[in-house]
Each structure stands twice: as structure tokens, then as C-alpha cells.
Amino acid sequence: MQVRASPLTMAGVIVAAAALLAATETRSPTPIINTKYGQLRGFYQSVDGYGLRVATYLGVPYATPPVGANRFSPTRTLSQWVGVHEAVTFGPACPQRLPDISNETAALTRMSRGRLRSLQRYLPALKRQSEDCLYLNLYVPDEAKPSAAYPVVVFLHGESYEWGSASLYDGSVLAALGRVIVVTINYRLGILGFFNPNVDPVGRATVANYGLMDQLAALHWVQENIVRFSGDPGHVTVMGHGTGAACLNFLVISPAAAGAGLFKRAILMSGSALSPWAAVQEPVYYAVQAARQLGCSVPENLYRHYETLLHCLRDRTVDQILQVDLETPQFLSSIGPSVDGVTIRPDWKEQLEKMGSEDRTPVDLLMGVTTTDILEVFQRRRDPTRIRS
């Protein structure tokens, strides 16, 4: 990816919480864009302090809502809509159980003060939730006659496999200064995004990483439509942070993405598939634990009848599912990507090792961490937001 006006290292600052990186609210409508699935109209916004503006499209649907019978199903192709979709507000966040910070004193025993202050800014933006949450946002440079198609940066949010949203991240500054199209996406989280009761993913491969499938569906949408926004589908860089970086690493080696040409480059920030928390080691154990908390009968022969748990959870309300409280070992994950035989193969670690030993990757790969990535876990007296990395 060629960034002409600012170095890529600015991404960590530019792709930040929308509450922290606000653009001036100067709105006028964009021309109508004809996508493969229908017409869109966004708005222009000025980027404060730079004399630039971007065309912004918020809450753009990229897949069929995963509701009803589509809960715990692979991501389904979007149907065409009629009329003009006014892409001027973020879509709802995917259902999620937010960290409890109502008692500051108790919260400070679990996290740093800087972390608490960040959460206090983020969490209000996550209260509007719905299972109908598969939306993306686009930030497009505003130039009368661009000299060439814009490179594209797709950002996968991190924080947790259980909470977060694309609406926390404002891509306007990166789009304006870097002259790239920035895309942020929502994907299914928690039990709704990664429920895997399959005892034998080798012999009976079945999609269980619904969140990863959502990410792939969004990347397919980009391939199909980005040229209509003056973007270059041949120069797509996907950037992930934390758990988003781990998801991206799994996509790099996933057979579900192999040969699809969905992206050319990947940037892993503060995470990878090899992080100890990246993959759930015993997904069936946690799936059974969740099912029992929801009052579902666990079949004696789970090997043959694990689908009954999926049917049972489809009958539960979102609120009931969000009340599930799984026992999670420190620094590990009880819910998140796991081997399902479709998006993640049983030999995924060998695939990573082979990729390294042969000194090649399916895409250009850039990885990075900071010196204080996890300082908040170990250091209570100092505020990690004040420590230089």
C-alpha cells in the first residue's frame, strides 16, 4: 500500500475511537453510488484542522441479517434493496456483553485507570445492539479527479472476541491524509459469533467461526463494489488490532479464503494466531457449559447430535445468550476462533510453520507490537497511556 501524505505508522493514531478522533460535522450529501446490491448515498465531512474532506458512508449492509434461522449459519449473500439507502448513521453493534465498570473502585482492581477511562468513553457507543448488525463503513478521499484508483484499507477491530464495534473507529483522517479508502466492519461476536459444539471437526467439518465468515463476506463485498467508490480491488490491505489481528492471521491461512484474492497485504498489530489467547483450545467444553446454562439438554452422543445444541440456542433470546458466564482461565479465551475444519483446519499451526520455513506467505505480511501492549495487566501504579512505546 502506498501512503502518499503520511506514513503508515500514523494508523495507530488515526484509526482510533470515534469519540477521540472527531471530524467536523459539516454534512452535505454525496452523489448516489450504484453498488451491486442497490443505491447508496452518504455525506461529506470536513476533517478538522487539515482543510480536507472525505465522502463517508455509514451503516452499509454487506450480508443478510443473521437472525432467526440464520443464527449460527454461515454468512449469507445480501439481497438487493429497492430505493436509495441513506448511509448516514452507523449500524447497530452486534450483540455483546459489555465489561462491567459501574463500580469504579472494583473496576480499578482489574484494570489500570487509563484503561478504565478509555472504556468509559467507548462503552456508550456500544449500547445500541441488534443481531441485524452486519454493516460496514467507508471513508473515501474527496478529490475531483483522482490520478489513480485508491488503495483500500480494511480494519478489523479488536479489544475482545466478545465486544467491540466498527463504530468506535473513525477512518476519516487516514482516508484524507493517506489518500486511501478506509473500510471498517462489524462481525458477529461472542457465542453468536464463535459457538462450536462439534466434537469431530476433522471428520465432520462444519462452519463454527461465524465471525470469521462475516469478515470474509465483507471482503467479498469490497471486491465486488469498491471500484464504484474509485477504489482498487487489487490493492486491498487488511489491518487488524489485538483479537482483530488474530482473526486476520487465521484468514491469511484459511482454506475458506485460499485463492480468492480478497486482499494483497495484511497488517497484524498487537496480536497473531500464535498469541496464547488467539484460539480456543477446548471449544466443545465451553459450548456444553453455555448450553447447560441456557437450559439445553446435552445429548449423550454429542458426536452424532451436536446440532441439537444449535437448534436449542436458536430458540433462546439474545438477552438470555448474553447472560451466559463462562469460566475462562486468565490470558486464555473461552469463546473465539477454534478449529472447525472449514475456516480453521486442524493443522493450522503446521500451516503457519510451513509458511515461515518456506519464507513465503499468501500475502505480504507486516507484524508489530509495542513495548507496553499488556502493561495494564501487570502494572497497577503507572498509567500505560502515559508511557511511550
Foldseek 3Di string as FASTA:
>chain_A
DAFPQDDPVCVVVQFFFCLVQPFAPDWDKDPWFQAPQGIEIFIKTHRPPPRFIWTKFAFAALFDQCAQVSQQHATHGDHHDDDYDYRYDHFAAADFDDDDCVPVVVVLVQWAPLVSVVCVSPVVSRPGYDSRHWGKMKIAGDDPDDPAFAFEEEEEEAPDLGDDFQNRTDNHVCCHRRVHMYMYTHFHGDCSQAQDQAPCLPVPFDDRRNRLSSVVSVLVSCLRGVVSSSHDQQRYEYEYEHLGLQSVQLQQLFPLNPPVSSHAEYEREHDHVPQQANEAPCNNVLNVLLLVQLVHDQDPPCNVPVCSSVVSVSPDDSVSSNPRDTDDDPSYDNGHHYDRNHSHHPCNVVVVVVCVVVVHTPHHYHYDYDPCRPVRRPDHPDDVVPDDD
